[in-house]
Amino acid sequence: MDSYKRKILTISFLSIPLSAGIALVPVLSNIAAAFPNQEGWIQLLITVPSLFMMFSSLLTDKLSEKISLKTTTIISIIIILFSGISPYWINNFAYLLCTRAFMGIGLGLLNTAIASLPALYFSDNKARDSAVGIQSAFVCAGGILFNILSGSFAKYNWKFVFLVQLLNIVPLIVAIILMPKTENKKVETDIPNKKNIFVRSAIPVAAISFICIILTCTYPLNVSLFVQKSGLGNSQFVGLLASINSAIGFFIGLVFGKVYSKIKGKTLTLGLILTATALLIVRFSPNQAILLIGSVCFGVGTSFISPTLYSMLYKRVKQEEIVLSVALLGIASNVSQFVSPFLINPIAKAVDSNNIEGTRILVASILIIILILILKLQKKEKQEV
């Protein structure tokens, strides 16, 4: 196997576990029923990993000075595997919440390591854009597998969802056998002012990512309860919606490099417009067919946002700043996922507390439209100057 194929296969398979955290999304309503006294804490099962990903993202850069990215990757997948499976045997909400925190640590280490690979493996911009698209595609492929299996297993017993994490054994084997022993020590030790994690050229991209994810993650955080309370379906249908989104993301990821090279800076705006439209459709869906259309639109929109941000980042930062910059982007993304409910929920409650899940989705769509207008105005001002 030649070096290019080996690197692409590595990026592909090792991107799959990055979707491990969403395996619980289709069964949030089931968990709420199993732990009725913890209803206010249910959303934290999705957002807590993001908080701990923030801290562990920084560890990847430090670890790369002492061990290889390959070793870091193997350790991170083992953490994800253990924390994902163990709640199957322990029926305790506090323990479940703690394991989600440990999963966040594993995901943070893995995300920073794997998200750095397109820039570390390839120097050509087209190859990088293509690789980041493929990476995004296989994150979505992981989402398809986790969501389909989670929704299917939940029909028998919601606790079977934890066994879905056994899928991570395959990427673990790939990391051990196939991942090239590319060291990152030289790249990292050359960074000036190692104590400063805030790479200036990466801050604008991180800021945009922070805002985008606060708004877009409102959908996966609320869709399960929204569908159930609206009488539009069950956990299996929610799993189907999530899988469709992931399938769309997989396709867009594969063609992202070509699309980005043609329309370039317009992919972020396109993604935000489609996402805002999708959330409006979902909020006012009278039946499953319309909800499905909204979900498809959401999948298309969000599939453009993440790879665009990474492509923007790779072009803005120096080679020796890549891992730190990816860590910064990861921190912005993870903090935004954690704080999203605390920012969106109060606004939604003030607007309409009767259908709180639907109102959260509506508020997010309106705020995305406002963000698009702000970005357009800023771009116009720069052109005028």
Protein backbone atom coordinates (compact mmCIF):
# COMPACT_ATOMS: atom_id res chain seq x y z
CA MET A 1 0.00 0.00 0.00
CA ASP A 2 1.48 3.37 -1.01
CA SER A 3 1.96 6.19 1.49
CA TYR A 4 -0.95 8.35 0.23
CA LYS A 5 -3.53 5.54 0.48
CA ARG A 6 -2.26 4.54 3.90
CA LYS A 7 -2.62 8.09 5.20
CA ILE A 8 -6.12 8.52 3.73
CA LEU A 9 -7.25 5.17 5.17
CA THR A 10 -5.84 6.17 8.55
CA ILE A 11 -7.68 9.50 8.54
CA SER A 12 -10.88 7.76 7.39
CA PHE A 13 -11.09 4.97 9.97
CA LEU A 14 -9.81 7.01 12.90
CA SER A 15 -12.45 9.68 12.27
CA ILE A 16 -15.27 7.20 12.98
CA PRO A 17 -14.94 7.19 16.82
CA LEU A 18 -15.34 10.98 16.84
CA SER A 19 -19.09 10.34 16.49
CA ALA A 20 -19.19 8.02 19.51
CA GLY A 21 -20.63 10.72 21.75
CA ILE A 22 -23.86 11.07 19.75
CA ALA A 23 -24.90 7.44 20.26
CA LEU A 24 -27.13 8.53 23.15
CA VAL A 25 -29.03 11.18 21.15
CA PRO A 26 -31.80 8.83 19.86
CA VAL A 27 -32.48 7.54 23.40
CA LEU A 28 -32.43 10.74 25.45
CA SER A 29 -36.18 10.44 25.94
CA ASN A 30 -35.74 6.82 27.11
CA ILE A 31 -33.05 7.88 29.58
CA ALA A 32 -35.32 10.66 30.84
CA ALA A 33 -38.02 8.06 31.48
CA ALA A 34 -35.54 5.73 33.21
CA PHE A 35 -34.32 8.55 35.48
CA PRO A 36 -37.43 10.74 35.99
CA ASN A 37 -35.84 12.73 38.82
CA GLN A 38 -32.95 13.83 36.57
CA GLU A 39 -34.91 15.52 33.76
CA GLY A 40 -33.06 18.82 34.15
CA TRP A 41 -29.73 17.03 33.77
CA ILE A 42 -30.49 14.93 30.69
CA GLN A 43 -29.03 17.43 28.18
CA LEU A 44 -25.74 17.35 30.12
CA LEU A 45 -25.23 13.79 28.89
CA ILE A 46 -24.56 15.33 25.47
CA THR A 47 -22.84 18.55 26.58
CA VAL A 48 -20.59 17.29 29.41
CA PRO A 49 -18.24 15.47 26.99
CA SER A 50 -17.73 18.78 25.21
CA LEU A 51 -16.58 20.46 28.43
CA PHE A 52 -13.97 17.79 29.11
CA MET A 53 -12.93 17.73 25.46
CA MET A 54 -11.91 21.35 25.96
CA PHE A 55 -9.32 20.43 28.60
CA SER A 56 -8.04 17.27 26.95
CA SER A 57 -7.58 19.06 23.60
CA LEU A 58 -4.68 20.95 25.14
CA LEU A 59 -3.12 17.71 26.39
CA THR A 60 -2.60 16.46 22.82
CA ASP A 61 -0.07 19.19 22.12
CA LYS A 62 1.78 18.49 25.38
CA LEU A 63 1.70 14.73 24.87
CA SER A 64 3.08 15.10 21.34
CA GLU A 65 6.34 16.35 22.89
CA LYS A 66 6.75 13.06 24.78
CA ILE A 67 4.88 10.43 22.76
CA SER A 68 3.81 10.08 19.13
CA LEU A 69 0.39 11.04 17.79
CA LYS A 70 -0.08 7.32 17.09
CA THR A 71 0.29 6.45 20.79
CA THR A 72 -1.99 9.35 21.77
CA THR A 73 -4.59 8.08 19.29
CA ILE A 74 -4.49 4.53 20.68
CA ILE A 75 -4.85 5.76 24.27
CA SER A 76 -7.78 8.01 23.34
CA ILE A 77 -9.73 5.23 21.59
CA ILE A 78 -9.25 2.92 24.59
CA ILE A 79 -10.68 5.64 26.86
CA ILE A 80 -13.67 6.13 24.53
CA LEU A 81 -14.27 2.37 24.35
CA PHE A 82 -14.22 1.82 28.12
CA SER A 83 -16.28 4.89 29.05
CA GLY A 84 -18.82 4.09 26.36
CA ILE A 85 -19.47 0.48 27.30
CA SER A 86 -19.22 0.41 31.10
CA PRO A 87 -22.61 2.11 31.87
CA TYR A 88 -24.31 -0.97 30.43
CA TRP A 89 -23.55 -2.83 33.67
CA ILE A 90 -24.09 0.04 36.15
CA ASN A 91 -27.60 1.53 36.41
CA ASN A 92 -26.72 4.85 38.04
CA PHE A 93 -27.21 8.32 36.54
CA ALA A 94 -24.26 9.87 38.39
CA TYR A 95 -21.98 7.12 37.08
CA LEU A 96 -23.36 7.61 33.57
CA LEU A 97 -22.60 11.33 33.77
CA CYS A 98 -19.05 10.60 34.97
CA THR A 99 -18.39 8.19 32.11
CA ARG A 100 -19.57 10.86 29.68
CA ALA A 101 -16.90 13.13 31.15
CA PHE A 102 -14.24 10.45 30.57
CA MET A 103 -15.52 9.97 27.03
CA GLY A 104 -15.02 13.71 26.54
CA ILE A 105 -11.37 13.34 27.58
CA GLY A 106 -10.86 10.57 25.03
CA LEU A 107 -12.70 12.45 22.29
CA GLY A 108 -10.70 15.63 22.95
CA LEU A 109 -7.38 13.80 22.62
CA LEU A 110 -8.53 11.96 19.50
CA ASN A 111 -10.14 14.98 17.81
CA THR A 112 -7.05 17.19 18.09
CA ALA A 113 -4.76 14.40 16.92
CA ILE A 114 -6.88 13.35 13.94
CA ALA A 115 -7.92 16.88 12.91
CA SER A 116 -4.21 17.77 12.67
CA LEU A 117 -3.39 14.91 10.30
CA PRO A 118 -4.60 16.46 6.98
CA ALA A 119 -2.26 19.42 7.52
CA LEU A 120 0.61 17.30 8.87
CA TYR A 121 0.36 14.59 6.20
CA PHE A 122 -0.13 16.86 3.15
CA SER A 123 1.50 20.16 2.15
CA ASP A 124 -0.58 20.81 -0.99
CA ASN A 125 -3.74 22.89 -0.35
CA LYS A 126 -5.92 20.78 -2.67
CA ALA A 127 -4.76 17.56 -0.99
CA ARG A 128 -5.45 19.10 2.41
CA ASP A 129 -8.96 20.27 1.44
CA SER A 130 -9.68 16.83 0.04
CA ALA A 131 -8.35 15.12 3.18
CA VAL A 132 -10.37 17.35 5.52
CA GLY A 133 -13.47 16.58 3.46
CA ILE A 134 -12.79 12.85 3.71
CA GLN A 135 -12.24 13.21 7.43
CA SER A 136 -15.59 14.99 7.77
CA ALA A 137 -17.21 12.28 5.63
CA PHE A 138 -16.05 9.47 7.90
CA VAL A 139 -17.05 11.33 11.05
CA CYS A 140 -20.50 11.27 9.44
CA ALA A 141 -20.06 7.60 8.54
CA GLY A 142 -19.47 6.97 12.22
CA GLY A 143 -22.63 8.93 12.94
CA ILE A 144 -24.58 6.68 10.57
CA LEU A 145 -23.34 3.52 12.27
CA PHE A 146 -23.84 4.79 15.82
CA ASN A 147 -27.29 6.23 15.15
CA ILE A 148 -28.73 3.29 13.20
CA LEU A 149 -27.51 0.78 15.76
CA SER A 150 -28.57 2.96 18.71
CA GLY A 151 -32.08 3.42 17.35
CA SER A 152 -32.38 -0.29 16.54
CA PHE A 153 -31.01 -1.51 19.88
CA ALA A 154 -33.26 0.89 21.80
CA LYS A 155 -36.31 -1.02 20.54
CA TYR A 156 -35.30 -3.91 22.78
CA ASN A 157 -33.67 -2.13 25.70
CA TRP A 158 -32.26 1.40 25.83
CA LYS A 159 -29.21 0.12 27.75
CA PHE A 160 -28.15 -1.91 24.71
CA VAL A 161 -27.14 1.44 23.18
CA PHE A 162 -23.94 1.35 25.26
CA LEU A 163 -22.84 -1.83 23.51
CA VAL A 164 -22.74 0.09 20.21
CA GLN A 165 -19.37 1.44 21.39
CA LEU A 166 -17.85 -1.93 20.52
CA LEU A 167 -17.58 -0.48 17.00
CA ASN A 168 -14.52 1.41 18.23
CA ILE A 169 -12.53 -1.83 18.33
CA VAL A 170 -12.08 -1.59 14.54
CA PRO A 171 -10.49 1.91 14.55
CA LEU A 172 -8.34 0.79 17.49
CA ILE A 173 -6.94 -2.07 15.41
CA VAL A 174 -6.38 0.31 12.46
CA ALA A 175 -4.48 2.74 14.73
CA ILE A 176 -2.24 -0.06 15.99
CA ILE A 177 -1.51 -1.66 12.62
CA LEU A 178 -2.03 0.92 9.87
CA MET A 179 -1.39 4.41 11.27
CA PRO A 180 1.96 5.76 9.98
CA LYS A 181 4.51 6.49 12.68
CA THR A 182 4.61 10.16 11.81
CA GLU A 183 6.15 12.02 14.71
CA ASN A 184 5.20 15.57 15.53
CA LYS A 185 7.94 16.36 18.01
CA LYS A 186 9.98 18.62 15.83
CA VAL A 187 6.97 20.58 14.69
CA GLU A 188 5.83 21.19 18.24
CA THR A 189 9.14 22.04 19.90
CA ASP A 190 9.78 24.76 17.33
CA ILE A 191 6.71 26.77 18.38
CA PRO A 192 7.69 30.10 19.90
CA ASN A 193 6.10 31.06 23.23
CA LYS A 194 4.85 27.57 24.02
CA LYS A 195 2.85 28.82 27.00
CA ASN A 196 0.57 30.86 24.77
CA ILE A 197 -2.14 28.62 23.32
CA PHE A 198 -3.93 31.51 21.61
CA VAL A 199 -2.49 31.47 18.13
CA ARG A 200 -3.59 34.89 16.87
CA SER A 201 -4.23 33.88 13.29
CA ALA A 202 -6.53 31.07 14.50
CA ILE A 203 -8.69 33.21 16.82
CA PRO A 204 -11.11 34.59 14.14
CA VAL A 205 -11.86 31.06 12.87
CA ALA A 206 -12.29 29.79 16.45
CA ALA A 207 -14.69 32.67 17.21
CA ILE A 208 -16.86 31.88 14.17
CA SER A 209 -16.84 28.19 15.11
CA PHE A 210 -17.88 29.04 18.68
CA ILE A 211 -20.95 30.97 17.52
CA CYS A 212 -21.92 28.51 14.79
CA ILE A 213 -21.87 25.47 17.05
CA ILE A 214 -23.79 27.17 19.87
CA LEU A 215 -26.63 27.57 17.38
CA THR A 216 -26.40 24.41 15.28
CA CYS A 217 -26.10 21.94 18.18
CA THR A 218 -29.56 23.05 19.37
CA TYR A 219 -31.07 20.59 16.88
CA PRO A 220 -29.42 17.35 18.09
CA LEU A 221 -29.88 18.42 21.73
CA ASN A 222 -33.64 18.86 21.33
CA VAL A 223 -34.83 16.75 18.40
CA SER A 224 -35.45 13.57 20.41
CA LEU A 225 -37.71 15.25 23.00
CA PHE A 226 -39.28 17.50 20.34
CA VAL A 227 -40.28 14.53 18.16
CA GLN A 228 -41.65 12.61 21.13
CA LYS A 229 -43.67 15.50 22.61
CA SER A 230 -44.98 16.51 19.18
CA GLY A 231 -46.16 12.94 18.53
CA LEU A 232 -44.13 12.74 15.32
CA GLY A 233 -42.21 9.57 16.10
CA ASN A 234 -40.14 7.48 18.51
CA SER A 235 -36.44 6.91 19.26
CA GLN A 236 -36.09 4.72 16.16
CA PHE A 237 -37.36 7.54 13.94
CA VAL A 238 -34.97 9.99 15.63
CA GLY A 239 -32.16 7.54 14.93
CA LEU A 240 -33.24 7.42 11.28
CA LEU A 241 -33.15 11.25 11.06
CA ALA A 242 -29.68 11.37 12.55
CA SER A 243 -28.48 8.63 10.20
CA ILE A 244 -29.83 10.50 7.17
CA ASN A 245 -27.97 13.61 8.31
CA SER A 246 -24.79 11.58 8.65
CA ALA A 247 -25.28 9.98 5.21
CA ILE A 248 -25.62 13.43 3.66
CA GLY A 249 -22.53 14.58 5.54
CA PHE A 250 -20.61 11.56 4.27
CA PHE A 251 -21.45 12.37 0.64
CA ILE A 252 -20.69 16.08 1.01
CA GLY A 253 -17.42 15.28 2.77
CA LEU A 254 -16.28 13.18 -0.18
CA VAL A 255 -16.94 16.00 -2.66
CA PHE A 256 -16.07 18.89 -0.34
CA GLY A 257 -12.59 19.45 -1.79
CA LYS A 258 -14.01 20.02 -5.28
CA VAL A 259 -16.93 22.16 -4.08
CA TYR A 260 -14.70 24.32 -1.88
CA SER A 261 -12.22 24.95 -4.70
CA LYS A 262 -15.06 26.21 -6.93
CA ILE A 263 -17.10 28.41 -4.59
CA LYS A 264 -14.46 28.94 -1.86
CA GLY A 265 -15.57 31.53 0.72
CA LYS A 266 -19.25 30.98 -0.04
CA THR A 267 -19.46 27.50 1.55
CA LEU A 268 -19.82 28.89 5.09
CA THR A 269 -22.63 31.25 4.11
CA LEU A 270 -24.33 28.51 2.12
CA GLY A 271 -24.12 26.14 5.08
CA LEU A 272 -25.58 28.69 7.51
CA ILE A 273 -28.47 29.62 5.19
CA LEU A 274 -29.42 25.96 4.69
CA THR A 275 -29.14 25.28 8.44
CA ALA A 276 -31.36 28.23 9.39
CA THR A 277 -33.94 27.16 6.79
CA ALA A 278 -33.83 23.59 8.07
CA LEU A 279 -34.47 24.59 11.69
CA LEU A 280 -37.50 26.63 10.65
CA ILE A 281 -38.88 23.66 8.68
CA VAL A 282 -38.30 21.30 11.62
CA ARG A 283 -39.93 23.65 14.12
CA PHE A 284 -43.17 23.92 12.12
CA SER A 285 -43.28 20.35 10.75
CA PRO A 286 -46.89 19.04 10.75
CA ASN A 287 -45.85 15.47 9.93
CA GLN A 288 -42.89 13.12 9.54
CA ALA A 289 -42.45 13.86 5.82
CA ILE A 290 -41.87 17.59 6.38
CA LEU A 291 -39.68 16.85 9.39
CA LEU A 292 -37.62 14.55 7.19
CA ILE A 293 -37.18 17.35 4.60
CA GLY A 294 -36.03 19.70 7.34
CA SER A 295 -33.61 17.11 8.66
CA VAL A 296 -32.13 16.58 5.19
CA CYS A 297 -31.68 20.34 4.77
CA PHE A 298 -30.01 20.50 8.19
CA GLY A 299 -27.62 17.70 7.23
CA VAL A 300 -26.60 19.48 4.02
CA GLY A 301 -26.07 22.82 5.76
CA THR A 302 -24.04 21.64 8.73
CA SER A 303 -21.92 19.36 6.52
CA PHE A 304 -20.46 22.44 4.84
CA ILE A 305 -19.72 24.37 8.04
CA SER A 306 -17.15 22.22 9.87
CA PRO A 307 -14.82 21.30 6.97
CA THR A 308 -14.93 24.92 5.76
CA LEU A 309 -13.72 26.13 9.16
CA TYR A 310 -10.84 23.64 9.19
CA SER A 311 -9.83 24.57 5.63
CA MET A 312 -9.87 28.24 6.64
CA LEU A 313 -7.71 27.40 9.66
CA TYR A 314 -5.08 25.44 7.72
CA LYS A 315 -4.63 28.35 5.33
CA ARG A 316 -4.26 30.94 8.10
CA VAL A 317 -1.71 29.29 10.40
CA LYS A 318 1.93 28.26 10.08
CA GLN A 319 2.93 24.59 9.84
CA GLU A 320 4.46 24.65 13.33
CA GLU A 321 1.23 26.08 14.79
CA ILE A 322 -1.14 23.46 13.38
CA VAL A 323 -1.69 21.26 16.45
CA LEU A 324 -2.09 24.24 18.79
CA SER A 325 -4.48 25.91 16.35
CA VAL A 326 -6.58 22.76 15.97
CA ALA A 327 -6.65 22.50 19.78
CA LEU A 328 -7.89 26.10 19.98
CA LEU A 329 -10.61 25.39 17.42
CA GLY A 330 -11.52 22.27 19.36
CA ILE A 331 -11.76 24.25 22.61
CA ALA A 332 -14.05 26.82 20.98
CA SER A 333 -16.25 24.04 19.59
CA ASN A 334 -16.42 22.13 22.86
CA VAL A 335 -17.12 25.14 25.06
CA SER A 336 -19.88 26.24 22.69
CA GLN A 337 -21.56 22.82 22.85
CA PHE A 338 -21.46 22.90 26.65
CA VAL A 339 -22.79 26.45 27.06
CA SER A 340 -25.37 26.22 24.27
CA PRO A 341 -28.26 25.04 26.48
CA PHE A 342 -27.45 27.71 29.08
CA LEU A 343 -27.66 30.45 26.43
CA ILE A 344 -30.47 29.18 24.20
CA ASN A 345 -32.79 27.76 26.89
CA PRO A 346 -33.43 31.03 28.82
CA ILE A 347 -34.17 32.89 25.57
CA ALA A 348 -36.53 30.12 24.42
CA LYS A 349 -38.27 30.06 27.80
CA ALA A 350 -38.84 33.80 27.61
CA VAL A 351 -40.30 33.49 24.11
CA ASP A 352 -42.60 30.50 24.72
CA SER A 353 -42.32 28.05 27.61
CA ASN A 354 -45.25 25.87 26.45
CA ASN A 355 -43.29 24.08 23.70
CA ILE A 356 -39.77 24.63 24.99
CA GLU A 357 -37.94 22.17 22.69
CA GLY A 358 -39.59 23.63 19.57
CA THR A 359 -38.93 27.18 20.74
CA ARG A 360 -35.24 26.45 21.26
CA ILE A 361 -35.02 25.29 17.63
CA LEU A 362 -36.88 28.41 16.44
CA VAL A 363 -34.62 30.76 18.45
CA ALA A 364 -31.51 29.07 17.03
CA SER A 365 -32.76 29.54 13.44
CA ILE A 366 -33.42 33.24 14.02
CA LEU A 367 -29.99 33.78 15.58
CA ILE A 368 -28.30 32.01 12.64
CA ILE A 369 -30.03 34.41 10.26
CA ILE A 370 -28.72 37.32 12.36
CA LEU A 371 -25.20 35.79 12.23
CA ILE A 372 -25.37 35.56 8.42
CA LEU A 373 -26.33 39.23 8.21
CA ILE A 374 -23.48 40.24 10.54
CA LEU A 375 -20.91 38.26 8.52
CA LYS A 376 -22.20 39.81 5.29
CA LEU A 377 -22.00 43.32 6.71
CA GLN A 378 -18.44 42.74 7.93
CA LYS A 379 -17.39 41.43 4.54
CA LYS A 380 -18.96 44.44 2.83
CA GLU A 381 -17.16 46.85 5.17
CA LYS A 382 -13.80 45.20 4.43
CA GLN A 383 -14.42 45.46 0.68
CA GLU A 384 -15.28 49.16 1.00
CA VAL A 385 -12.09 49.82 2.99
